[in-house]
Protein backbone atom coordinates (compact mmCIF):
# COMPACT_ATOMS: atom_id res chain seq x y z
CA MET A 1 -1.61 1.27 -35.24
CA LEU A 2 -4.98 3.39 -37.06
CA GLY A 3 -8.03 3.31 -34.34
CA VAL A 4 -6.28 1.50 -31.21
CA ARG A 5 -5.05 3.83 -28.06
CA PRO A 6 -3.59 2.47 -25.23
CA THR A 7 -5.52 2.33 -22.01
CA PRO A 8 -3.42 2.62 -18.64
CA VAL A 9 -3.87 -0.41 -16.44
CA ASP A 10 -3.52 -0.71 -12.50
CA ALA A 11 -1.32 -3.79 -12.61
CA ARG A 12 -1.09 -4.21 -8.88
CA PRO A 13 -4.29 -5.87 -8.28
CA LEU A 14 -3.46 -8.47 -11.39
CA LEU A 15 0.10 -8.78 -10.18
CA LEU A 16 -1.01 -9.96 -6.09
CA ARG A 17 -3.40 -12.74 -7.99
CA ARG A 18 -0.62 -13.55 -10.24
CA VAL A 19 1.46 -14.67 -7.15
CA ASP A 20 -1.07 -15.85 -5.23
CA ALA A 21 -0.75 -13.51 -2.33
CA PRO A 22 -2.95 -14.13 0.88
CA ARG A 23 -6.34 -12.33 2.16
CA THR A 24 -4.24 -11.59 4.94
CA ILE A 25 -0.65 -9.73 4.41
CA ASP A 26 0.79 -10.54 7.83
CA TYR A 27 3.74 -7.32 6.72
CA PHE A 28 4.45 -5.28 4.17
CA SER A 29 6.90 -3.27 3.75
CA LEU A 30 6.38 0.05 1.82
CA ASP A 31 9.90 2.48 0.55
CA VAL A 32 9.20 3.74 -2.75
CA GLU A 33 11.24 7.43 -2.52
CA GLY A 34 8.29 9.22 -2.14
CA PHE A 35 6.00 7.78 -4.37
CA GLU A 36 4.13 5.52 -1.48
CA ALA A 37 0.64 7.20 -1.86
CA THR A 38 0.23 6.64 -5.32
CA VAL A 39 1.46 3.28 -4.90
CA MET A 40 -1.04 2.23 -2.70
CA GLU A 41 -3.63 4.60 -4.50
CA GLY A 42 -4.18 1.36 -6.37
CA PHE A 43 -3.45 -0.91 -3.57
CA PRO A 44 -6.50 -3.82 -3.63
CA PHE A 45 -7.27 -3.58 -0.06
CA TYR A 46 -11.22 -5.40 -1.12
CA ALA A 47 -9.09 -8.08 -1.69
CA HIS A 48 -6.36 -7.95 0.86
CA ASN A 49 -6.28 -6.52 4.48
CA ILE A 50 -2.24 -6.01 5.94
CA SER A 51 -2.04 -6.92 9.24
CA LEU A 52 1.39 -4.92 10.46
CA MET A 53 3.43 -1.93 7.87
CA THR A 54 6.65 0.04 7.52
CA VAL A 55 5.79 2.58 6.00
CA GLU A 56 9.70 5.28 4.79
CA ARG A 57 8.51 9.07 6.13
CA PRO A 58 4.52 8.73 4.93
CA LYS A 59 2.86 12.17 3.66
CA LEU A 60 -0.62 13.54 5.18
CA ARG A 61 -2.26 12.04 1.40
CA LEU A 62 -0.79 8.27 2.65
CA ARG A 63 -1.79 7.94 6.28
CA HIS A 64 -5.30 9.17 5.09
CA GLN A 65 -5.61 6.06 2.64
CA LEU A 66 -3.85 3.77 5.69
CA GLU A 67 -6.54 5.22 7.92
CA ALA A 68 -9.77 5.08 5.60
CA HIS A 69 -8.52 1.55 5.22
CA GLY A 70 -8.62 0.55 9.13
CA LEU A 71 -4.51 0.77 9.83
CA ALA A 72 -3.72 3.15 12.23
CA TYR A 73 -0.15 4.55 13.11
CA LEU A 74 1.81 3.03 16.12
CA CYS A 75 4.92 4.31 16.40
CA ASP A 76 8.57 5.97 15.09
CA HIS A 77 10.90 3.78 14.38
CA GLY A 78 14.33 3.37 13.06
CA SER A 79 16.21 6.07 11.99
CA PHE A 80 14.97 7.57 8.69
CA GLY A 81 11.66 8.09 9.90
CA ASP A 82 9.62 4.65 8.97
CA GLN A 83 6.77 4.19 10.78
CA LEU A 84 5.25 1.50 12.25
CA TRP A 85 0.89 1.11 11.01
CA ALA A 86 -0.99 -2.11 12.09
CA HIS A 87 -5.13 -2.91 10.78
CA ALA A 88 -6.91 -2.13 13.99
CA SER A 89 -8.21 -5.52 13.55
């Protein structure tokens, strides 16, 4: 179609609304083979809080993102480099 350009849309907030995700997510497991920071860049922290989260081998960029949204590193666990994070509240 002439004159129509695709526009990127971040579907993460839409998906969470569609499934009626609660404001507080008790547990969130993130393991997307190296794309964890990319996935979380679009996470709607303004609409959802994560109480407890497991992340496989988070890179520095993701650790900074989590800290900026009130999550704090608790400990390593398992044998795959998983880390446990908790909301400071």
